[in-house]
Every structure is written in structure tokens, then in C-alpha cells.
């Protein structure tokens, strides 16, 4: 998967759990878990915005492109 999400790293850096983030932004723990494990096909723009607001970061801080051919 060429687009990766560094949510796990960002949560660790802030000492926040996935459960706490899910509760704060009003999504299921399963949705946050999929992002943490890079098992997502798409990310809802509203959810991405809520994550960015909660963690005080930009979408580019969270999503990274890594080509498959590396």
C-alpha cells in the first residue's frame, strides 16, 4: 500500500491511546485501529479533520506516500 498512516506514531508521541482518540473524535475504536494498522482503503475527510484537530497536526503529518517499487 503506497499511502501509509503514521497515526500510531503520533498517538505514542502524545501519550494518547487509540481508545481515547476514538472517544474524543466520536468514531469507533475499530476505525482508529484500521488507520493505525494501515488497513484502510479510504479515509473520510471529516474523520481526518477531527484527527488533525485532536492531535494538532496537518494531514501531511499523518499520511505518507511510499511507492511500491522501493
N, C-alpha and C. Protein backbone atom coordinates (compact mmCIF):
# COMPACT_ATOMS: atom_id res chain seq x y z
N UNK A 1 0.85 -1.19 0.00
CA UNK A 1 0.00 0.00 0.00
C UNK A 1 0.89 1.24 0.00
N UNK A 2 0.81 2.05 -1.02
CA UNK A 2 1.73 3.18 -1.11
C UNK A 2 1.42 4.35 -0.18
N UNK A 3 0.19 4.49 0.30
CA UNK A 3 -0.13 5.57 1.24
C UNK A 3 -0.22 4.96 2.65
N UNK A 4 0.64 5.45 3.52
CA UNK A 4 0.69 4.93 4.89
C UNK A 4 0.27 6.01 5.88
N UNK A 5 -0.29 5.58 6.98
CA UNK A 5 -0.74 6.48 8.02
C UNK A 5 0.14 6.29 9.26
N UNK A 6 0.66 7.37 9.77
CA UNK A 6 1.54 7.30 10.94
C UNK A 6 0.78 7.63 12.24
N UNK A 7 -0.49 7.27 12.29
CA UNK A 7 -1.30 7.58 13.46
C UNK A 7 -0.73 6.95 14.72
N UNK A 8 -0.24 5.74 14.63
CA UNK A 8 0.31 5.06 15.80
C UNK A 8 1.48 5.85 16.39
N UNK A 9 2.34 6.35 15.53
CA UNK A 9 3.50 7.15 15.96
C UNK A 9 3.03 8.46 16.61
N UNK A 10 2.05 9.10 15.98
CA UNK A 10 1.56 10.38 16.50
C UNK A 10 0.87 10.19 17.86
N UNK A 11 0.13 9.11 18.01
CA UNK A 11 -0.51 8.84 19.30
C UNK A 11 0.55 8.59 20.38
N UNK A 12 1.55 7.79 20.06
CA UNK A 12 2.62 7.50 21.02
C UNK A 12 3.35 8.76 21.44
N UNK A 13 3.62 9.63 20.49
CA UNK A 13 4.33 10.88 20.79
C UNK A 13 3.54 11.77 21.74
N UNK A 14 2.23 11.60 21.74
CA UNK A 14 1.38 12.42 22.60
C UNK A 14 0.91 11.69 23.86
N UNK A 15 1.31 10.44 24.00
CA UNK A 15 0.89 9.66 25.16
C UNK A 15 -0.61 9.42 25.18
N UNK A 16 -1.20 9.30 24.00
CA UNK A 16 -2.65 9.11 23.89
C UNK A 16 -2.95 7.71 23.38
N UNK A 17 -4.00 7.13 23.86
CA UNK A 17 -4.40 5.82 23.39
C UNK A 17 -5.38 5.95 22.22
N UNK A 18 -5.47 4.90 21.44
CA UNK A 18 -6.42 4.88 20.33
C UNK A 18 -7.84 4.98 20.87
N UNK A 19 -8.09 4.35 21.99
CA UNK A 19 -9.42 4.38 22.60
C UNK A 19 -9.79 5.82 22.99
N UNK A 20 -8.85 6.54 23.57
CA UNK A 20 -9.11 7.92 23.97
C UNK A 20 -9.36 8.81 22.75
N UNK A 21 -8.59 8.60 21.69
CA UNK A 21 -8.79 9.38 20.46
C UNK A 21 -10.16 9.08 19.87
N UNK A 22 -10.52 7.81 19.79
CA UNK A 22 -11.82 7.43 19.23
C UNK A 22 -12.96 8.10 20.00
N UNK A 23 -12.86 8.09 21.30
CA UNK A 23 -13.90 8.70 22.13
C UNK A 23 -13.94 10.21 21.91
N UNK A 24 -12.78 10.84 21.84
CA UNK A 24 -12.70 12.29 21.68
C UNK A 24 -13.29 12.76 20.35
N UNK A 25 -13.05 12.02 19.29
CA UNK A 25 -13.49 12.47 17.97
C UNK A 25 -14.81 11.83 17.53
N UNK A 26 -15.33 10.91 18.32
CA UNK A 26 -16.64 10.33 18.04
C UNK A 26 -16.67 9.30 16.92
N UNK A 27 -15.63 8.48 16.85
CA UNK A 27 -15.62 7.36 15.89
C UNK A 27 -15.38 6.08 16.66
N UNK A 28 -15.56 4.96 15.99
CA UNK A 28 -15.36 3.68 16.66
C UNK A 28 -13.87 3.40 16.85
N UNK A 29 -13.58 2.60 17.85
CA UNK A 29 -12.20 2.16 18.06
C UNK A 29 -11.70 1.36 16.86
N UNK A 30 -12.61 0.63 16.22
CA UNK A 30 -12.24 -0.16 15.05
C UNK A 30 -11.75 0.73 13.91
N UNK A 31 -12.39 1.87 13.73
CA UNK A 31 -11.97 2.81 12.67
C UNK A 31 -10.56 3.34 12.94
N UNK A 32 -10.30 3.69 14.18
CA UNK A 32 -8.96 4.18 14.55
C UNK A 32 -7.94 3.05 14.41
N UNK A 33 -8.32 1.86 14.80
CA UNK A 33 -7.42 0.72 14.70
C UNK A 33 -7.02 0.43 13.25
N UNK A 34 -7.96 0.54 12.32
CA UNK A 34 -7.65 0.32 10.91
C UNK A 34 -6.62 1.32 10.41
N UNK A 35 -6.74 2.56 10.84
CA UNK A 35 -5.76 3.58 10.44
C UNK A 35 -4.40 3.28 11.05
N UNK A 36 -4.38 2.90 12.32
CA UNK A 36 -3.12 2.59 13.00
C UNK A 36 -2.38 1.44 12.32
N UNK A 37 -3.14 0.46 11.81
CA UNK A 37 -2.53 -0.73 11.19
C UNK A 37 -2.41 -0.62 9.67
N UNK A 38 -2.70 0.56 9.14
CA UNK A 38 -2.64 0.80 7.69
C UNK A 38 -3.50 -0.20 6.93
N UNK A 39 -4.68 -0.47 7.44
CA UNK A 39 -5.61 -1.39 6.80
C UNK A 39 -6.85 -0.64 6.33
N UNK A 40 -6.64 0.48 5.65
CA UNK A 40 -7.75 1.30 5.19
C UNK A 40 -7.69 1.44 3.67
N UNK A 41 -8.86 1.58 3.06
CA UNK A 41 -8.93 1.80 1.62
C UNK A 41 -9.15 3.28 1.33
N UNK A 42 -9.82 3.95 2.27
CA UNK A 42 -10.07 5.38 2.14
C UNK A 42 -10.25 5.96 3.53
N UNK A 43 -10.09 7.28 3.62
CA UNK A 43 -10.29 7.96 4.89
C UNK A 43 -11.31 9.06 4.66
N UNK A 44 -12.35 9.08 5.45
CA UNK A 44 -13.36 10.12 5.37
C UNK A 44 -12.72 11.47 5.72
N UNK A 45 -12.98 12.49 4.92
CA UNK A 45 -12.38 13.81 5.14
C UNK A 45 -12.77 14.38 6.50
N UNK A 46 -13.99 14.14 6.93
CA UNK A 46 -14.44 14.62 8.23
C UNK A 46 -13.67 13.97 9.37
N UNK A 47 -13.47 12.67 9.26
CA UNK A 47 -12.70 11.94 10.27
C UNK A 47 -11.25 12.41 10.29
N UNK A 48 -10.68 12.59 9.12
CA UNK A 48 -9.30 13.09 9.04
C UNK A 48 -9.19 14.46 9.69
N UNK A 49 -10.15 15.31 9.43
CA UNK A 49 -10.15 16.64 10.04
C UNK A 49 -10.24 16.58 11.55
N UNK A 50 -11.08 15.69 12.07
CA UNK A 50 -11.22 15.53 13.53
C UNK A 50 -9.93 15.03 14.16
N UNK A 51 -9.27 14.09 13.48
CA UNK A 51 -8.00 13.57 13.99
C UNK A 51 -6.96 14.68 14.02
N UNK A 52 -6.88 15.44 12.93
CA UNK A 52 -5.91 16.53 12.86
C UNK A 52 -6.16 17.57 13.94
N UNK A 53 -7.41 17.89 14.18
CA UNK A 53 -7.75 18.86 15.23
C UNK A 53 -7.37 18.33 16.61
N UNK A 54 -7.72 17.08 16.87
CA UNK A 54 -7.46 16.48 18.18
C UNK A 54 -5.96 16.37 18.47
N UNK A 55 -5.18 16.05 17.44
CA UNK A 55 -3.73 15.84 17.63
C UNK A 55 -2.90 17.07 17.26
N UNK A 56 -3.59 18.13 16.83
CA UNK A 56 -2.93 19.39 16.45
C UNK A 56 -1.85 19.15 15.41
N UNK A 57 -2.27 18.57 14.28
CA UNK A 57 -1.34 18.33 13.18
C UNK A 57 -2.03 18.55 11.85
N UNK A 58 -1.28 18.48 10.78
CA UNK A 58 -1.79 18.63 9.43
C UNK A 58 -1.93 17.25 8.79
N UNK A 59 -2.81 17.10 7.79
CA UNK A 59 -2.95 15.80 7.14
C UNK A 59 -1.62 15.24 6.62
N UNK A 60 -0.76 16.10 6.14
CA UNK A 60 0.55 15.66 5.64
C UNK A 60 1.46 15.13 6.73
N UNK A 61 1.17 15.47 7.99
CA UNK A 61 1.94 14.91 9.11
C UNK A 61 1.52 13.48 9.38
N UNK A 62 0.35 13.13 8.90
CA UNK A 62 -0.26 11.83 9.20
C UNK A 62 -0.15 10.84 8.05
N UNK A 63 -0.26 11.32 6.82
CA UNK A 63 -0.27 10.44 5.64
C UNK A 63 1.01 10.60 4.85
N UNK A 64 1.57 9.48 4.42
CA UNK A 64 2.85 9.47 3.71
C UNK A 64 2.77 8.54 2.51
N UNK A 65 3.34 8.98 1.40
CA UNK A 65 3.36 8.16 0.19
C UNK A 65 4.69 7.41 0.10
N UNK A 66 4.60 6.11 -0.07
CA UNK A 66 5.78 5.28 -0.26
C UNK A 66 5.54 4.38 -1.46
N UNK A 67 6.23 4.63 -2.56
CA UNK A 67 6.00 3.82 -3.76
C UNK A 67 6.25 2.34 -3.52
N UNK A 68 5.50 1.51 -4.21
CA UNK A 68 5.66 0.05 -4.08
C UNK A 68 6.98 -0.45 -4.62
N UNK A 69 7.59 0.28 -5.55
CA UNK A 69 8.79 -0.20 -6.22
C UNK A 69 10.09 0.09 -5.46
N UNK A 70 10.02 0.46 -4.20
CA UNK A 70 11.24 0.69 -3.42
C UNK A 70 11.76 -0.57 -2.80
